């Protein structure tokens, strides 16, 4: 599946965002499947580079419950539900996750900015 231009743009922005750090156990800029970033307090956000038009962004449900960014479609992944095997860093593995499905670059940036500003 082709990399979404929206997620690719967000990945490029995240690489230059001083509030975010590429995950230390992952390739900077991501693999062909996933790119993972940490915010200042150590939470992880994964950009699903292989999600195509779904423009998917994963983060722990604990920091992204339904009341956060309610206009953006999402899927809840219970801790025991199967998921993208590339989302296997300790900060995301075996945890309930929110998978945002962003309809455009504006929504994707809203998710990234929310994540980056958590303190």
N, C-alpha and C. Protein backbone atom coordinates (compact mmCIF):
# COMPACT_ATOMS: atom_id res chain seq x y z
N UNK A 1 0.84 -1.18 0.00
CA UNK A 1 0.00 0.00 0.00
C UNK A 1 0.89 1.24 0.00
N UNK A 2 0.50 2.24 -0.72
CA UNK A 2 1.28 3.47 -0.83
C UNK A 2 1.18 4.28 0.47
N UNK A 3 2.24 5.02 0.76
CA UNK A 3 2.24 5.88 1.93
C UNK A 3 1.31 7.06 1.66
N UNK A 4 0.44 7.34 2.58
CA UNK A 4 -0.45 8.48 2.49
C UNK A 4 0.36 9.77 2.47
N UNK A 5 0.00 10.68 1.59
CA UNK A 5 0.69 11.99 1.55
C UNK A 5 0.46 12.75 2.85
N UNK A 6 -0.70 12.54 3.45
CA UNK A 6 -1.01 13.22 4.72
C UNK A 6 -0.09 12.71 5.83
N UNK A 7 0.02 11.41 5.97
CA UNK A 7 0.87 10.85 7.02
C UNK A 7 2.34 11.12 6.72
N UNK A 8 2.72 11.08 5.45
CA UNK A 8 4.11 11.40 5.10
C UNK A 8 4.43 12.85 5.47
N UNK A 9 3.51 13.76 5.20
CA UNK A 9 3.71 15.16 5.55
C UNK A 9 3.80 15.33 7.07
N UNK A 10 2.93 14.62 7.80
CA UNK A 10 2.97 14.68 9.26
C UNK A 10 4.28 14.11 9.79
N UNK A 11 4.74 13.02 9.21
CA UNK A 11 6.02 12.42 9.62
C UNK A 11 7.16 13.42 9.42
N UNK A 12 7.18 14.07 8.28
CA UNK A 12 8.23 15.07 8.01
C UNK A 12 8.15 16.22 9.01
N UNK A 13 6.93 16.66 9.33
CA UNK A 13 6.76 17.74 10.31
C UNK A 13 7.24 17.29 11.69
N UNK A 14 6.88 16.06 12.08
CA UNK A 14 7.26 15.56 13.39
C UNK A 14 8.77 15.46 13.54
N UNK A 15 9.45 15.11 12.46
CA UNK A 15 10.91 15.00 12.50
C UNK A 15 11.57 16.35 12.81
N UNK A 16 10.89 17.45 12.51
CA UNK A 16 11.44 18.78 12.73
C UNK A 16 10.78 19.51 13.90
N UNK A 17 9.88 18.85 14.58
CA UNK A 17 9.16 19.46 15.70
C UNK A 17 9.98 19.27 16.98
N UNK A 18 10.36 20.36 17.60
CA UNK A 18 11.21 20.31 18.81
C UNK A 18 10.50 19.67 20.00
N UNK A 19 9.17 19.54 19.93
CA UNK A 19 8.42 18.94 21.03
C UNK A 19 8.44 17.42 20.97
N UNK A 20 8.91 16.87 19.86
CA UNK A 20 8.87 15.43 19.63
C UNK A 20 10.27 14.88 19.37
N UNK A 21 10.45 13.60 19.74
CA UNK A 21 11.72 12.92 19.52
C UNK A 21 11.43 11.57 18.86
N UNK A 22 12.16 11.23 17.81
CA UNK A 22 11.98 9.88 17.25
C UNK A 22 12.25 8.84 18.33
N UNK A 23 11.49 7.77 18.33
CA UNK A 23 11.67 6.72 19.34
C UNK A 23 13.09 6.18 19.24
N UNK A 24 13.81 6.07 20.38
CA UNK A 24 15.22 5.66 20.34
C UNK A 24 15.46 4.24 19.83
N UNK A 25 14.46 3.38 19.88
CA UNK A 25 14.68 2.01 19.41
C UNK A 25 14.20 1.81 17.97
N UNK A 26 13.85 2.88 17.31
CA UNK A 26 13.33 2.80 15.93
C UNK A 26 14.16 3.64 14.97
N UNK A 27 14.06 3.29 13.71
CA UNK A 27 14.75 4.04 12.67
C UNK A 27 14.18 5.45 12.60
N UNK A 28 15.05 6.46 12.65
CA UNK A 28 14.60 7.84 12.53
C UNK A 28 13.92 8.01 11.17
N UNK A 29 12.73 8.56 11.18
CA UNK A 29 11.97 8.73 9.96
C UNK A 29 11.06 7.56 9.67
N UNK A 30 11.24 6.48 10.41
CA UNK A 30 10.35 5.33 10.27
C UNK A 30 10.83 4.29 9.28
N UNK A 31 10.12 3.18 9.29
CA UNK A 31 10.33 2.11 8.32
C UNK A 31 9.31 2.32 7.21
N UNK A 32 9.14 1.35 6.36
CA UNK A 32 8.09 1.49 5.34
C UNK A 32 6.71 1.35 5.96
N UNK A 33 6.64 0.91 7.22
CA UNK A 33 5.35 0.65 7.87
C UNK A 33 4.97 1.65 8.95
N UNK A 34 5.94 2.06 9.76
CA UNK A 34 5.59 2.82 10.97
C UNK A 34 6.69 3.81 11.33
N UNK A 35 6.29 4.91 11.93
CA UNK A 35 7.23 5.89 12.47
C UNK A 35 6.71 6.26 13.86
N UNK A 36 7.58 6.15 14.86
CA UNK A 36 7.14 6.34 16.24
C UNK A 36 7.91 7.50 16.88
N UNK A 37 7.17 8.33 17.59
CA UNK A 37 7.72 9.51 18.25
C UNK A 37 7.33 9.52 19.71
N UNK A 38 8.17 10.17 20.51
CA UNK A 38 7.89 10.39 21.93
C UNK A 38 7.66 11.87 22.15
N UNK A 39 6.74 12.20 23.07
CA UNK A 39 6.60 13.59 23.47
C UNK A 39 7.50 13.84 24.68
N UNK A 40 7.46 15.04 25.23
CA UNK A 40 8.37 15.40 26.32
C UNK A 40 8.20 14.56 27.57
N UNK A 41 7.01 14.03 27.78
CA UNK A 41 6.82 13.23 29.00
C UNK A 41 7.00 11.74 28.77
N UNK A 42 7.37 11.35 27.53
CA UNK A 42 7.69 9.96 27.26
C UNK A 42 6.57 9.11 26.69
N UNK A 43 5.42 9.74 26.37
CA UNK A 43 4.34 9.00 25.71
C UNK A 43 4.74 8.74 24.25
N UNK A 44 4.20 7.67 23.68
CA UNK A 44 4.52 7.32 22.29
C UNK A 44 3.31 7.54 21.38
N UNK A 45 3.60 7.97 20.15
CA UNK A 45 2.63 8.13 19.08
C UNK A 45 3.21 7.45 17.85
N UNK A 46 2.40 6.62 17.20
CA UNK A 46 2.86 5.91 16.01
C UNK A 46 2.09 6.38 14.79
N UNK A 47 2.82 6.76 13.77
CA UNK A 47 2.23 7.12 12.48
C UNK A 47 2.27 5.88 11.61
N UNK A 48 1.11 5.43 11.19
CA UNK A 48 1.02 4.20 10.38
C UNK A 48 1.26 4.56 8.91
N UNK A 49 2.49 4.41 8.49
CA UNK A 49 2.87 4.80 7.13
C UNK A 49 2.26 3.90 6.07
N UNK A 50 1.76 2.75 6.48
CA UNK A 50 1.19 1.81 5.52
C UNK A 50 -0.34 1.78 5.54
N UNK A 51 -0.95 2.78 6.18
CA UNK A 51 -2.41 2.77 6.32
C UNK A 51 -3.15 3.36 5.14
N UNK A 52 -2.42 3.84 4.14
CA UNK A 52 -3.06 4.39 2.95
C UNK A 52 -4.02 5.52 3.29
N UNK A 53 -5.22 5.46 2.74
CA UNK A 53 -6.18 6.54 2.93
C UNK A 53 -6.77 6.60 4.33
N UNK A 54 -6.47 5.63 5.20
CA UNK A 54 -6.95 5.69 6.58
C UNK A 54 -6.23 6.75 7.40
N UNK A 55 -5.04 7.15 6.98
CA UNK A 55 -4.27 8.17 7.68
C UNK A 55 -4.26 7.90 9.18
N UNK A 56 -3.78 6.72 9.56
CA UNK A 56 -3.89 6.26 10.93
C UNK A 56 -2.75 6.72 11.83
N UNK A 57 -3.15 7.12 13.03
CA UNK A 57 -2.21 7.52 14.08
C UNK A 57 -2.62 6.79 15.35
N UNK A 58 -1.67 6.07 15.95
CA UNK A 58 -1.92 5.34 17.19
C UNK A 58 -1.33 6.09 18.38
N UNK A 59 -2.02 6.04 19.51
CA UNK A 59 -1.45 6.47 20.78
C UNK A 59 -2.21 5.77 21.90
N UNK A 60 -1.64 5.73 23.11
CA UNK A 60 -2.33 5.05 24.20
C UNK A 60 -3.71 5.64 24.46
N UNK A 61 -4.68 4.77 24.67
CA UNK A 61 -6.04 5.22 24.97
C UNK A 61 -6.05 6.10 26.21
N UNK A 62 -5.19 5.81 27.18
CA UNK A 62 -5.16 6.57 28.43
C UNK A 62 -4.93 8.06 28.20
N UNK A 63 -4.24 8.43 27.12
CA UNK A 63 -4.01 9.86 26.84
C UNK A 63 -4.89 10.36 25.70
N UNK A 64 -5.69 9.48 25.11
CA UNK A 64 -6.55 9.89 23.98
C UNK A 64 -7.94 9.26 24.09
N UNK A 65 -8.64 9.50 25.21
CA UNK A 65 -9.99 8.96 25.34
C UNK A 65 -10.95 9.65 24.37
N UNK A 66 -12.17 9.16 24.34
CA UNK A 66 -13.17 9.64 23.36
C UNK A 66 -13.41 11.15 23.44
N UNK A 67 -13.26 11.76 24.59
CA UNK A 67 -13.53 13.19 24.72
C UNK A 67 -12.45 14.06 24.06
N UNK A 68 -11.32 13.47 23.74
CA UNK A 68 -10.23 14.20 23.09
C UNK A 68 -10.45 14.20 21.57
N UNK A 69 -10.47 15.36 20.98
CA UNK A 69 -10.64 15.51 19.53
C UNK A 69 -11.85 14.68 19.05
N UNK A 70 -13.03 14.94 19.59
CA UNK A 70 -14.20 14.09 19.30
C UNK A 70 -14.64 14.08 17.84
N UNK A 71 -14.26 15.06 17.05
CA UNK A 71 -14.68 15.10 15.65
C UNK A 71 -13.90 14.15 14.76
N UNK A 72 -12.83 13.57 15.28
CA UNK A 72 -11.99 12.69 14.47
C UNK A 72 -12.40 11.24 14.70
N UNK A 73 -12.68 10.53 13.60
CA UNK A 73 -13.03 9.11 13.71
C UNK A 73 -11.88 8.35 14.35
N UNK A 74 -12.22 7.30 15.07
CA UNK A 74 -11.21 6.52 15.76
C UNK A 74 -11.69 5.10 15.99
N UNK A 75 -10.74 4.24 16.26
CA UNK A 75 -11.01 2.86 16.65
C UNK A 75 -10.28 2.62 17.95
N UNK A 76 -10.95 1.96 18.89
CA UNK A 76 -10.31 1.58 20.14
C UNK A 76 -9.77 0.17 19.98
N UNK A 77 -8.53 -0.02 20.33
CA UNK A 77 -7.91 -1.35 20.36
C UNK A 77 -7.70 -1.71 21.82
N UNK A 78 -8.47 -2.66 22.31
CA UNK A 78 -8.28 -3.14 23.67
C UNK A 78 -6.87 -3.72 23.79
N UNK A 79 -6.35 -3.77 25.00
CA UNK A 79 -4.98 -4.25 25.21
C UNK A 79 -4.77 -5.66 24.65
N UNK A 80 -5.82 -6.48 24.66
CA UNK A 80 -5.67 -7.86 24.19
C UNK A 80 -6.10 -8.06 22.73
N UNK A 81 -6.47 -6.98 22.03
CA UNK A 81 -6.88 -7.08 20.63
C UNK A 81 -5.66 -7.03 19.72
N UNK A 82 -5.69 -7.83 18.66
CA UNK A 82 -4.56 -7.80 17.73
C UNK A 82 -4.49 -6.44 17.06
N UNK A 83 -3.30 -6.08 16.65
CA UNK A 83 -3.06 -4.76 16.04
C UNK A 83 -1.86 -4.84 15.14
N UNK A 84 -1.51 -3.75 14.56
CA UNK A 84 -0.34 -3.65 13.70
C UNK A 84 0.88 -4.14 14.50
N UNK A 85 1.53 -5.17 14.02
CA UNK A 85 2.67 -5.76 14.74
C UNK A 85 3.86 -4.81 14.82
N UNK A 86 3.86 -3.76 14.03
CA UNK A 86 4.95 -2.81 14.07
C UNK A 86 4.84 -1.83 15.24
N UNK A 87 3.69 -1.85 15.90
CA UNK A 87 3.47 -0.98 17.06
C UNK A 87 3.87 -1.77 18.31
N UNK A 88 5.15 -2.13 18.39
CA UNK A 88 5.60 -3.03 19.46
C UNK A 88 6.66 -2.43 20.37
N UNK A 89 6.63 -1.12 20.54
CA UNK A 89 7.53 -0.50 21.52
C UNK A 89 6.87 -0.59 22.89
N UNK A 90 7.64 -0.60 23.98
CA UNK A 90 7.06 -0.78 25.32
C UNK A 90 5.94 0.21 25.65
N UNK A 91 6.03 1.43 25.14
CA UNK A 91 5.03 2.45 25.46
C UNK A 91 3.67 2.18 24.81
N UNK A 92 3.64 1.28 23.82
CA UNK A 92 2.39 0.97 23.11
C UNK A 92 1.99 -0.50 23.20
N UNK A 93 2.95 -1.36 23.37
CA UNK A 93 2.70 -2.80 23.37
C UNK A 93 1.85 -3.22 24.57
N UNK A 94 0.89 -4.09 24.33
CA UNK A 94 0.04 -4.64 25.39
C UNK A 94 -0.76 -3.58 26.14
N UNK A 95 -1.08 -2.49 25.47
CA UNK A 95 -1.89 -1.42 26.07
C UNK A 95 -3.09 -1.14 25.18
N UNK A 96 -4.14 -0.62 25.78
CA UNK A 96 -5.27 -0.17 24.98
C UNK A 96 -4.80 1.04 24.17
N UNK A 97 -5.15 1.05 22.89
CA UNK A 97 -4.73 2.13 22.00
C UNK A 97 -5.92 2.80 21.34
N UNK A 98 -5.76 4.06 21.04
CA UNK A 98 -6.68 4.78 20.17
C UNK A 98 -6.01 4.87 18.81
N UNK A 99 -6.75 4.50 17.76
CA UNK A 99 -6.25 4.65 16.39
C UNK A 99 -7.11 5.71 15.73
N UNK A 100 -6.54 6.90 15.54
CA UNK A 100 -7.24 7.99 14.87
C UNK A 100 -7.23 7.73 13.37
N UNK A 101 -8.35 8.02 12.72
CA UNK A 101 -8.48 7.93 11.27
C UNK A 101 -8.70 9.36 10.77
N UNK A 102 -7.65 10.04 10.40
CA UNK A 102 -7.72 11.45 10.05
C UNK A 102 -8.20 11.64 8.61
N UNK A 103 -9.19 12.51 8.43
CA UNK A 103 -9.76 12.72 7.10
C UNK A 103 -8.97 13.72 6.27
N UNK A 104 -8.05 14.41 6.88
CA UNK A 104 -7.25 15.38 6.14
C UNK A 104 -6.04 15.81 6.95
N UNK A 105 -5.20 16.63 6.34
CA UNK A 105 -3.98 17.07 7.00
C UNK A 105 -4.29 17.89 8.24
N UNK A 106 -5.36 18.68 8.22
CA UNK A 106 -5.73 19.48 9.39
C UNK A 106 -6.01 18.61 10.60
N UNK A 107 -6.78 17.55 10.41
CA UNK A 107 -7.06 16.63 11.53
C UNK A 107 -5.78 15.95 12.00
N UNK A 108 -4.95 15.53 11.07
CA UNK A 108 -3.69 14.87 11.44
C UNK A 108 -2.81 15.81 12.26
N UNK A 109 -2.74 17.06 11.86
CA UNK A 109 -1.95 18.05 12.62
C UNK A 109 -2.57 18.30 13.99
N UNK A 110 -3.90 18.29 14.08
CA UNK A 110 -4.55 18.46 15.38
C UNK A 110 -4.16 17.34 16.33
N UNK A 111 -4.13 16.11 15.83
CA UNK A 111 -3.73 14.96 16.65
C UNK A 111 -2.28 15.12 17.10
N UNK A 112 -1.40 15.45 16.16
CA UNK A 112 0.01 15.60 16.50
C UNK A 112 0.21 16.73 17.52
N UNK A 113 -0.46 17.85 17.32
CA UNK A 113 -0.29 18.98 18.24
C UNK A 113 -0.83 18.65 19.62
N UNK A 114 -1.96 17.97 19.69
CA UNK A 114 -2.49 17.54 20.98
C UNK A 114 -1.44 16.68 21.70
N UNK A 115 -0.91 15.69 21.00
CA UNK A 115 0.08 14.76 21.55
C UNK A 115 1.33 15.52 22.01
N UNK A 116 1.83 16.39 21.16
CA UNK A 116 3.08 17.10 21.45
C UNK A 116 2.95 18.04 22.65
N UNK A 117 1.75 18.54 22.91
CA UNK A 117 1.58 19.50 24.00
C UNK A 117 1.27 18.87 25.36
N UNK A 118 1.12 17.53 25.41
CA UNK A 118 0.86 16.88 26.70
C UNK A 118 2.03 17.08 27.64
N UNK A 119 1.73 17.49 28.86
CA UNK A 119 2.79 17.69 29.86
C UNK A 119 2.41 17.05 31.17
